[in-house]
Every structure is written in C-alpha cells, then in structure tokens.
Amino acid sequence: MKHIVLLCVLLLSACATAPESDDPFDKQDPIKPFNQAVFDFNLGADRYVIKPVAEVYHHVPEKGRQGIGNFLTNLSEPSNVVNGMLQLNPDIAFTAFWRCMLNTTFGLGGFHDFAGENGLKNKETDFGETLGRYGLADGAYLVLPLAGPSTVRDTAGVAVDWFLDPVGWFMTTPETIAQLSADAISTRDADAAVINQFYYESLEPYSATRAAYLQHQAFQ
C-alpha cells in the first residue's frame, strides 16, 4: 500500500511539470517514460513467455479451457458480492451470490456455468468501479508490470480487492500464484486476437493500447 501512495505522489508532481502535447491521452499519462518502460517489459514478457505458454494452452480441448475459465470466474464471485454491496447494487450482489452458490454445487465446483445457462450471467465488478460509483475519478494512466494498463484509481482498487476477496483469505501463497498465473494465461488465450492486434500489428503499440484502454474506461 505504501508503494501505491508513493506512486500517487510521483504522479501528482509529474502532472505539475508535464509539457503540453497534441495527443489528448498524454494529459492522463504524466509519467509516460516510466509507463513506456514498463510497457516494453510487458511486451517482452508476452513475446517470450506468456504468448508461447498461452499458445500451448490453446491446444487444450475447448471444453477443458471453458471449464477452467468458468472455475476462475466462480472464484471471483465472492468479491463481486462484496463490491455489489458496497456499490449499493443488489442486482450485482445477489446475482454474484447465487452464481457462486449454484455453480459451486450444481456446477461441479464452478467448472460448469450452471447459473449462466439458467439466466444468471456473470456481472464482473471490482473495487476500482466501486470507487468510481462514489465519484472518484480515474486519475492518471499507469502501466503495471505484467498486469498491463490501469489507472491510479483502479490500481488502488486492485490493492483493496486483494484484502476484500474472501477466497483469498483461505489460499496459501503458492495457491494464489497458481490462481493468478492460470487467470493470466486463460485471459491471454481468450483475448488473443485483440492483444495480438495491439501488441504486434499496431504501428505504435504503446499509444494504441493506451488509447483503447482509456476510451474503454471513459464509457464504463
């Protein structure tokens, strides 16, 4: 948490000295050299580690990959319940609660999306969105190591989600690492076409990725 506070201080000081730019997204990116360096690191990690592993994972039969994706989604439902309650949104809270109950029991531990097949679709949320519901702006753009594009608000939200998630209370460090790794590979496989387009087909991968992320945030 101390690291997040220090990063916010650096962002505020950078905002005070950032030069004018014709790119509207530069205004939200006051520590662009740092973000660019992290982006380059992430791109290298994707090129040489994550993408090859995801391509091997893609050879797992589709039903197997879907089951793993369902299981990982089910692990996030308790966090969705908490954030739904904090957002005073009973639709999200009750949907997440019943999805977790039904998929954990009738869905064989979450590997089968029994709830989704019966009309209860996943409504993913997080503490960053909760903060937004209470009027906190996104803040400056950040690129996190391995995690990718974010903002000050969403980065703080990730830290809080870490403590709010009831599932995490019962997981050991190796189990947590395994969950995060599986989630990263599953997401990389599911979003391969979009990620490859921005990372390897764009003339300016950093700018294209930043613009897409910030535009998506603006319309949430």
Protein backbone atom coordinates (compact mmCIF):
# COMPACT_ATOMS: atom_id res chain seq x y z
CA MET A 1 0.00 0.00 0.00
CA LYS A 2 2.94 2.34 0.73
CA HIS A 3 4.15 1.83 -2.82
CA ILE A 4 0.76 2.93 -4.19
CA VAL A 5 0.82 6.11 -2.06
CA LEU A 6 4.36 6.92 -3.24
CA LEU A 7 3.34 6.34 -6.84
CA CYS A 8 0.38 8.71 -6.44
CA VAL A 9 2.72 11.40 -5.06
CA LEU A 10 5.04 10.96 -8.04
CA LEU A 11 2.08 11.24 -10.40
CA LEU A 12 0.90 14.49 -8.81
CA SER A 13 4.37 16.03 -9.06
CA ALA A 14 4.71 14.86 -12.65
CA CYS A 15 1.35 16.43 -13.55
CA ALA A 16 2.68 19.79 -12.37
CA THR A 17 5.66 19.66 -14.75
CA ALA A 18 4.33 17.67 -17.72
CA PRO A 19 4.79 19.51 -21.06
CA GLU A 20 1.88 20.30 -23.35
CA SER A 21 1.13 17.69 -26.02
CA ASP A 22 -1.13 17.42 -29.06
CA ASP A 23 -2.13 13.89 -28.01
CA PRO A 24 -5.16 14.22 -25.71
CA PHE A 25 -4.24 10.99 -23.90
CA ASP A 26 -0.85 12.41 -22.89
CA LYS A 27 -2.68 14.58 -20.36
CA GLN A 28 -3.64 11.42 -18.48
CA ASP A 29 -0.14 9.99 -18.79
CA PRO A 30 2.17 12.29 -16.79
CA ILE A 31 4.81 9.59 -16.20
CA LYS A 32 4.89 8.36 -19.79
CA PRO A 33 8.64 7.43 -19.82
CA PHE A 34 8.08 5.13 -16.82
CA ASN A 35 4.91 3.68 -18.31
CA GLN A 36 6.63 3.17 -21.67
CA ALA A 37 9.48 1.27 -19.98
CA VAL A 38 7.03 -0.98 -18.12
CA PHE A 39 5.05 -1.49 -21.34
CA ASP A 40 8.23 -2.56 -23.17
CA PHE A 41 8.97 -5.01 -20.35
CA ASN A 42 5.42 -6.40 -20.57
CA LEU A 43 5.70 -6.71 -24.33
CA GLY A 44 8.93 -8.68 -23.99
CA ALA A 45 7.39 -10.92 -21.32
CA ASP A 46 4.39 -11.53 -23.57
CA ARG A 47 6.50 -12.24 -26.64
CA TYR A 48 8.87 -14.71 -25.00
CA VAL A 49 6.85 -16.23 -22.13
CA ILE A 50 3.13 -15.50 -21.87
CA LYS A 51 2.16 -15.75 -25.54
CA PRO A 52 4.02 -19.06 -26.13
CA VAL A 53 2.51 -20.58 -22.97
CA ALA A 54 -0.96 -19.38 -23.99
CA GLU A 55 -0.50 -20.91 -27.45
CA VAL A 56 0.34 -24.27 -25.87
CA TYR A 57 -2.65 -23.87 -23.54
CA HIS A 58 -4.85 -23.25 -26.59
CA HIS A 59 -4.29 -26.89 -27.61
CA VAL A 60 -6.26 -28.00 -24.56
CA PRO A 61 -9.72 -29.09 -25.81
CA GLU A 62 -12.18 -26.20 -25.89
CA LYS A 63 -14.44 -27.73 -23.23
CA GLY A 64 -11.44 -28.04 -20.92
CA ARG A 65 -10.44 -24.41 -21.43
CA GLN A 66 -14.04 -23.31 -20.94
CA GLY A 67 -14.21 -25.28 -17.70
CA ILE A 68 -11.04 -23.65 -16.39
CA GLY A 69 -12.41 -20.23 -17.34
CA ASN A 70 -15.67 -20.99 -15.54
CA PHE A 71 -13.79 -22.12 -12.43
CA LEU A 72 -11.68 -18.93 -12.33
CA THR A 73 -14.78 -16.78 -12.85
CA ASN A 74 -16.51 -18.56 -9.98
CA LEU A 75 -13.57 -17.75 -7.70
CA SER A 76 -14.21 -14.04 -8.37
CA GLU A 77 -17.91 -14.15 -7.46
CA PRO A 78 -17.44 -13.57 -3.67
CA SER A 79 -15.52 -10.38 -4.49
CA ASN A 80 -18.36 -9.35 -6.79
CA VAL A 81 -20.80 -9.87 -3.91
CA VAL A 82 -18.78 -7.57 -1.63
CA ASN A 83 -18.37 -4.86 -4.27
CA GLY A 84 -22.02 -5.12 -5.30
CA MET A 85 -23.00 -4.44 -1.70
CA LEU A 86 -20.55 -1.53 -1.40
CA GLN A 87 -21.98 -0.07 -4.62
CA LEU A 88 -25.50 -0.43 -3.15
CA ASN A 89 -26.30 -2.52 -6.22
CA PRO A 90 -28.44 -5.50 -5.15
CA ASP A 91 -28.57 -6.80 -8.73
CA ILE A 92 -24.80 -7.39 -8.82
CA ALA A 93 -24.61 -8.60 -5.21
CA PHE A 94 -27.46 -11.13 -5.40
CA THR A 95 -26.53 -12.31 -8.90
CA ALA A 96 -22.95 -12.97 -7.80
CA PHE A 97 -24.11 -14.69 -4.60
CA TRP A 98 -26.46 -17.07 -6.36
CA ARG A 99 -24.00 -17.71 -9.19
CA CYS A 100 -21.41 -18.74 -6.62
CA MET A 101 -23.85 -20.98 -4.76
CA LEU A 102 -25.31 -22.65 -7.84
CA ASN A 103 -22.06 -23.09 -9.76
CA THR A 104 -20.18 -24.40 -6.73
CA THR A 105 -22.85 -27.04 -6.13
CA PHE A 106 -24.68 -27.88 -9.37
CA GLY A 107 -21.78 -26.63 -11.47
CA LEU A 108 -19.28 -29.15 -10.10
CA GLY A 109 -17.17 -26.70 -8.12
CA GLY A 110 -17.55 -23.97 -10.72
CA PHE A 111 -16.19 -25.82 -13.74
CA HIS A 112 -19.68 -25.77 -15.27
CA ASP A 113 -21.59 -22.48 -15.59
CA PHE A 114 -24.90 -23.88 -14.41
CA ALA A 115 -26.13 -20.46 -13.30
CA GLY A 116 -25.27 -18.78 -16.59
CA GLU A 117 -27.12 -21.43 -18.55
CA ASN A 118 -30.18 -20.68 -16.42
CA GLY A 119 -30.22 -16.93 -16.92
CA LEU A 120 -27.79 -15.69 -14.22
CA LYS A 121 -25.00 -14.16 -16.29
CA ASN A 122 -21.75 -13.02 -14.69
CA LYS A 123 -21.65 -9.32 -13.74
CA GLU A 124 -17.98 -8.67 -13.09
CA THR A 125 -17.05 -5.68 -10.97
CA ASP A 126 -14.20 -4.56 -8.71
CA PHE A 127 -13.30 -2.01 -6.07
CA GLY A 128 -11.99 0.41 -8.71
CA GLU A 129 -15.52 0.54 -10.10
CA THR A 130 -16.85 0.87 -6.56
CA LEU A 131 -14.66 3.95 -6.05
CA GLY A 132 -15.99 5.34 -9.34
CA ARG A 133 -19.57 4.89 -8.13
CA TYR A 134 -18.70 7.23 -5.24
CA GLY A 135 -17.34 9.89 -7.57
CA LEU A 136 -13.60 9.21 -7.50
CA ALA A 137 -12.05 9.99 -10.90
CA ASP A 138 -9.82 7.50 -12.73
CA GLY A 139 -6.70 9.57 -12.15
CA ALA A 140 -3.50 9.21 -14.13
CA TYR A 141 -2.77 6.36 -16.50
CA LEU A 142 -0.47 3.61 -15.23
CA VAL A 143 1.09 0.54 -16.78
CA LEU A 144 1.60 -2.17 -14.20
CA PRO A 145 4.27 -4.87 -14.56
CA LEU A 146 2.68 -7.93 -16.19
CA ALA A 147 -0.84 -6.73 -15.29
CA GLY A 148 -0.83 -4.07 -18.03
CA PRO A 149 -2.91 -0.87 -18.43
CA SER A 150 -4.51 0.67 -15.35
CA THR A 151 -5.17 3.98 -13.62
CA VAL A 152 -4.43 5.32 -10.15
CA ARG A 153 -7.99 4.54 -9.05
CA ASP A 154 -8.02 1.02 -10.46
CA THR A 155 -4.57 0.28 -9.05
CA ALA A 156 -5.78 1.28 -5.60
CA GLY A 157 -8.87 -0.84 -6.26
CA VAL A 158 -6.74 -3.91 -7.02
CA ALA A 159 -4.95 -3.48 -3.69
CA VAL A 160 -8.24 -3.23 -1.79
CA ASP A 161 -9.78 -6.15 -3.71
CA TRP A 162 -6.84 -8.22 -2.56
CA PHE A 163 -7.94 -7.75 1.06
CA LEU A 164 -11.70 -7.84 0.41
CA ASP A 165 -11.76 -11.09 -1.55
CA PRO A 166 -12.97 -13.80 0.87
CA VAL A 167 -11.48 -16.54 -1.32
CA GLY A 168 -8.00 -15.12 -0.82
CA TRP A 169 -8.29 -15.46 2.95
CA PHE A 170 -8.14 -19.24 2.64
CA MET A 171 -5.45 -19.51 -0.04
CA THR A 172 -1.76 -20.04 0.59
CA THR A 173 0.86 -18.08 -1.37
CA PRO A 174 1.53 -20.93 -3.86
CA GLU A 175 -2.22 -21.32 -4.44
CA THR A 176 -2.58 -17.58 -5.02
CA ILE A 177 0.30 -17.58 -7.51
CA ALA A 178 -1.24 -20.56 -9.29
CA GLN A 179 -4.61 -18.78 -9.49
CA LEU A 180 -3.09 -15.56 -10.84
CA SER A 181 -0.98 -17.45 -13.38
CA ALA A 182 -3.92 -19.53 -14.57
CA ASP A 183 -6.09 -16.43 -14.84
CA ALA A 184 -3.41 -14.60 -16.85
CA ILE A 185 -2.94 -17.48 -19.30
CA SER A 186 -6.68 -18.07 -19.66
CA THR A 187 -7.30 -14.36 -20.30
CA ARG A 188 -4.39 -14.18 -22.76
CA ASP A 189 -5.84 -17.12 -24.69
CA ALA A 190 -9.40 -15.75 -24.69
CA ASP A 191 -8.30 -12.26 -25.82
CA ALA A 192 -5.50 -13.38 -28.14
CA ALA A 193 -6.85 -11.68 -31.27
CA VAL A 194 -7.24 -8.26 -29.60
CA ILE A 195 -3.94 -8.43 -27.71
CA ASN A 196 -2.02 -9.51 -30.81
CA GLN A 197 -3.58 -6.68 -32.79
CA PHE A 198 -2.44 -4.02 -30.31
CA TYR A 199 0.91 -5.55 -29.43
CA TYR A 200 2.14 -6.85 -32.77
CA GLU A 201 0.08 -5.27 -35.56
CA SER A 202 -0.14 -1.62 -34.44
CA LEU A 203 2.39 0.91 -35.74
CA GLU A 204 2.60 2.39 -32.23
CA PRO A 205 1.65 -0.38 -29.77
CA TYR A 206 2.00 1.78 -26.65
CA SER A 207 -0.21 4.61 -27.92
CA ALA A 208 -2.78 2.24 -29.40
CA THR A 209 -3.07 0.22 -26.20
CA ARG A 210 -3.29 3.34 -24.05
CA ALA A 211 -5.97 4.95 -26.22
CA ALA A 212 -8.08 1.79 -26.28
CA TYR A 213 -7.88 1.37 -22.50
CA LEU A 214 -8.65 4.97 -21.62
CA GLN A 215 -11.55 5.14 -24.10
CA HIS A 216 -12.98 1.95 -22.60
CA GLN A 217 -12.68 3.45 -19.11
CA ALA A 218 -14.44 6.62 -20.23
CA PHE A 219 -17.50 4.70 -21.41
CA GLN A 220 -17.82 2.37 -18.41
